[in-house]
């Protein structure tokens, strides 16, 4: 289950337009039209990106009249952050070991 959520999260984050939309949503709730505007894309194009973000759980949508308002859901990034942190620990240990070897080398 966690693996599927990670796949969906990283798939959603792989696109620069979706990352930009998330950055916009970190500033507050926006409509799909507002999310589309900086990217010069159609409402339909933006709606497809929003759907990917929603399936990944990175945003929540609500209807107000005819508008769909979106807001950022940071809690879904926890699994991705935890997964990345394990690799950070791995590489930190490897680089620390390399540094120790290099300091021992008299050349």
C-alpha atoms as a PDB file:
ATOM      1  CA  UNK A   1       0.000   0.000   0.000  1.00  0.00           C
ATOM      2  CA  UNK A   2       2.775   2.454   0.931  1.00  0.00           C
ATOM      3  CA  UNK A   3       4.639   1.537  -2.272  1.00  0.00           C
ATOM      4  CA  UNK A   4       1.593   2.380  -4.410  1.00  0.00           C
ATOM      5  CA  UNK A   5       1.198   5.741  -2.641  1.00  0.00           C
ATOM      6  CA  UNK A   6       4.894   6.461  -3.183  1.00  0.00           C
ATOM      7  CA  UNK A   7       4.566   5.626  -6.881  1.00  0.00           C
ATOM      8  CA  UNK A   8       1.591   7.958  -7.209  1.00  0.00           C
ATOM      9  CA  UNK A   9       3.344  10.727  -5.266  1.00  0.00           C
ATOM     10  CA  UNK A  10       6.553  10.560  -7.289  1.00  0.00           C
ATOM     11  CA  UNK A  11       4.601  10.295 -10.551  1.00  0.00           C
ATOM     12  CA  UNK A  12       2.687  13.438  -9.617  1.00  0.00           C
ATOM     13  CA  UNK A  13       5.879  15.256  -8.604  1.00  0.00           C
ATOM     14  CA  UNK A  14       7.731  14.207 -11.775  1.00  0.00           C
ATOM     15  CA  UNK A  15       6.026  16.900 -13.847  1.00  0.00           C
ATOM     16  CA  UNK A  16       7.301  20.498 -13.512  1.00  0.00           C
ATOM     17  CA  UNK A  17       3.835  21.967 -14.125  1.00  0.00           C
ATOM     18  CA  UNK A  18       2.369  19.939 -11.255  1.00  0.00           C
ATOM     19  CA  UNK A  19       5.258  20.941  -8.978  1.00  0.00           C
ATOM     20  CA  UNK A  20       4.586  24.590  -9.838  1.00  0.00           C
ATOM     21  CA  UNK A  21       0.886  24.114  -9.112  1.00  0.00           C
ATOM     22  CA  UNK A  22       1.733  22.652  -5.708  1.00  0.00           C
ATOM     23  CA  UNK A  23       4.006  25.613  -5.004  1.00  0.00           C
ATOM     24  CA  UNK A  24       1.098  27.948  -5.863  1.00  0.00           C
ATOM     25  CA  UNK A  25      -1.197  25.977  -3.575  1.00  0.00           C
ATOM     26  CA  UNK A  26       1.254  26.258  -0.692  1.00  0.00           C
ATOM     27  CA  UNK A  27       0.334  29.958  -0.704  1.00  0.00           C
ATOM     28  CA  UNK A  28      -3.356  29.191  -0.376  1.00  0.00           C
ATOM     29  CA  UNK A  29      -6.430  27.743  -1.981  1.00  0.00           C
ATOM     30  CA  UNK A  30      -6.879  28.350  -5.726  1.00  0.00           C
ATOM     31  CA  UNK A  31      -9.332  27.470  -8.459  1.00  0.00           C
ATOM     32  CA  UNK A  32      -8.309  25.296 -11.392  1.00  0.00           C
ATOM     33  CA  UNK A  33      -8.470  28.374 -13.615  1.00  0.00           C
ATOM     34  CA  UNK A  34      -6.068  30.219 -11.315  1.00  0.00           C
ATOM     35  CA  UNK A  35      -3.704  27.252 -11.396  1.00  0.00           C
ATOM     36  CA  UNK A  36      -3.842  27.171 -15.209  1.00  0.00           C
ATOM     37  CA  UNK A  37      -3.172  30.885 -15.769  1.00  0.00           C
ATOM     38  CA  UNK A  38       0.608  31.054 -15.190  1.00  0.00           C
ATOM     39  CA  UNK A  39       1.145  28.074 -17.492  1.00  0.00           C
ATOM     40  CA  UNK A  40      -0.880  29.381 -20.439  1.00  0.00           C
ATOM     41  CA  UNK A  41      -2.845  26.176 -20.612  1.00  0.00           C
ATOM     42  CA  UNK A  42      -6.489  25.413 -21.063  1.00  0.00           C
ATOM     43  CA  UNK A  43      -8.810  24.687 -18.188  1.00  0.00           C
ATOM     44  CA  UNK A  44      -9.026  21.071 -19.428  1.00  0.00           C
ATOM     45  CA  UNK A  45      -5.235  20.723 -19.424  1.00  0.00           C
ATOM     46  CA  UNK A  46      -4.990  22.121 -15.910  1.00  0.00           C
ATOM     47  CA  UNK A  47      -7.832  19.866 -14.769  1.00  0.00           C
ATOM     48  CA  UNK A  48      -5.856  16.807 -15.914  1.00  0.00           C
ATOM     49  CA  UNK A  49      -2.857  17.910 -13.841  1.00  0.00           C
ATOM     50  CA  UNK A  50      -5.138  18.593 -10.865  1.00  0.00           C
ATOM     51  CA  UNK A  51      -6.627  15.104 -11.220  1.00  0.00           C
ATOM     52  CA  UNK A  52      -3.154  13.520 -11.018  1.00  0.00           C
ATOM     53  CA  UNK A  53      -2.345  15.583  -7.915  1.00  0.00           C
ATOM     54  CA  UNK A  54      -5.680  14.645  -6.333  1.00  0.00           C
ATOM     55  CA  UNK A  55      -5.233  10.908  -7.040  1.00  0.00           C
ATOM     56  CA  UNK A  56      -1.846  11.111  -5.337  1.00  0.00           C
ATOM     57  CA  UNK A  57      -3.528  12.783  -2.356  1.00  0.00           C
ATOM     58  CA  UNK A  58      -1.343  15.878  -2.688  1.00  0.00           C
ATOM     59  CA  UNK A  59      -4.328  18.183  -3.027  1.00  0.00           C
ATOM     60  CA  UNK A  60      -7.911  18.266  -1.855  1.00  0.00           C
ATOM     61  CA  UNK A  61     -10.722  19.667  -3.978  1.00  0.00           C
ATOM     62  CA  UNK A  62     -14.037  21.177  -3.012  1.00  0.00           C
ATOM     63  CA  UNK A  63     -16.827  22.665  -5.073  1.00  0.00           C
ATOM     64  CA  UNK A  64     -18.059  26.177  -4.483  1.00  0.00           C
ATOM     65  CA  UNK A  65     -20.799  26.973  -6.947  1.00  0.00           C
ATOM     66  CA  UNK A  66     -19.391  26.177 -10.373  1.00  0.00           C
ATOM     67  CA  UNK A  67     -15.769  26.415  -9.257  1.00  0.00           C
ATOM     68  CA  UNK A  68     -13.505  23.680  -7.967  1.00  0.00           C
ATOM     69  CA  UNK A  69     -11.140  25.017  -5.340  1.00  0.00           C
ATOM     70  CA  UNK A  70      -7.929  23.158  -4.602  1.00  0.00           C
ATOM     71  CA  UNK A  71      -5.716  23.184  -1.561  1.00  0.00           C
ATOM     72  CA  UNK A  72      -2.393  21.568  -0.749  1.00  0.00           C
ATOM     73  CA  UNK A  73      -2.386  18.451   1.451  1.00  0.00           C
ATOM     74  CA  UNK A  74       1.126  18.275   2.906  1.00  0.00           C
ATOM     75  CA  UNK A  75       0.445  15.138   4.958  1.00  0.00           C
ATOM     76  CA  UNK A  76       0.736  12.952   1.845  1.00  0.00           C
ATOM     77  CA  UNK A  77       4.381  13.942   1.467  1.00  0.00           C
ATOM     78  CA  UNK A  78       5.363  12.220   4.741  1.00  0.00           C
ATOM     79  CA  UNK A  79       5.830   8.772   3.184  1.00  0.00           C
ATOM     80  CA  UNK A  80       7.915  10.264   0.377  1.00  0.00           C
ATOM     81  CA  UNK A  81       9.983  12.246   2.866  1.00  0.00           C
ATOM     82  CA  UNK A  82      10.568   9.150   5.011  1.00  0.00           C
ATOM     83  CA  UNK A  83      11.612   7.142   1.947  1.00  0.00           C
ATOM     84  CA  UNK A  84      14.050   9.843   0.839  1.00  0.00           C
ATOM     85  CA  UNK A  85      15.446  10.185   4.364  1.00  0.00           C
ATOM     86  CA  UNK A  86      16.602   6.542   4.337  1.00  0.00           C
ATOM     87  CA  UNK A  87      18.694   7.296   1.251  1.00  0.00           C
ATOM     88  CA  UNK A  88      20.055  10.440   2.829  1.00  0.00           C
ATOM     89  CA  UNK A  89      21.272   8.364   5.797  1.00  0.00           C
ATOM     90  CA  UNK A  90      22.767   5.773   3.411  1.00  0.00           C
ATOM     91  CA  UNK A  91      24.709   8.352   1.384  1.00  0.00           C
ATOM     92  CA  UNK A  92      25.791  10.307   4.458  1.00  0.00           C
ATOM     93  CA  UNK A  93      27.307   7.132   5.935  1.00  0.00           C
ATOM     94  CA  UNK A  94      29.044   6.292   2.635  1.00  0.00           C
ATOM     95  CA  UNK A  95      30.465   9.782   2.237  1.00  0.00           C
ATOM     96  CA  UNK A  96      31.604   9.859   5.875  1.00  0.00           C
ATOM     97  CA  UNK A  97      33.431   6.571   5.316  1.00  0.00           C
ATOM     98  CA  UNK A  98      35.051   7.928   2.151  1.00  0.00           C
ATOM     99  CA  UNK A  99      36.119  11.072   3.977  1.00  0.00           C
ATOM    100  CA  UNK A 100      37.721   8.960   6.726  1.00  0.00           C
ATOM    101  CA  UNK A 101      39.667   6.923   4.154  1.00  0.00           C
ATOM    102  CA  UNK A 102      40.843  10.055   2.382  1.00  0.00           C
ATOM    103  CA  UNK A 103      42.048  11.605   5.632  1.00  0.00           C
ATOM    104  CA  UNK A 104      44.079   8.475   6.389  1.00  0.00           C
ATOM    105  CA  UNK A 105      45.815   8.527   2.986  1.00  0.00           C
ATOM    106  CA  UNK A 106      49.235  10.245   3.415  1.00  0.00           C
ATOM    107  CA  UNK A 107      49.436  11.377  -0.236  1.00  0.00           C
END
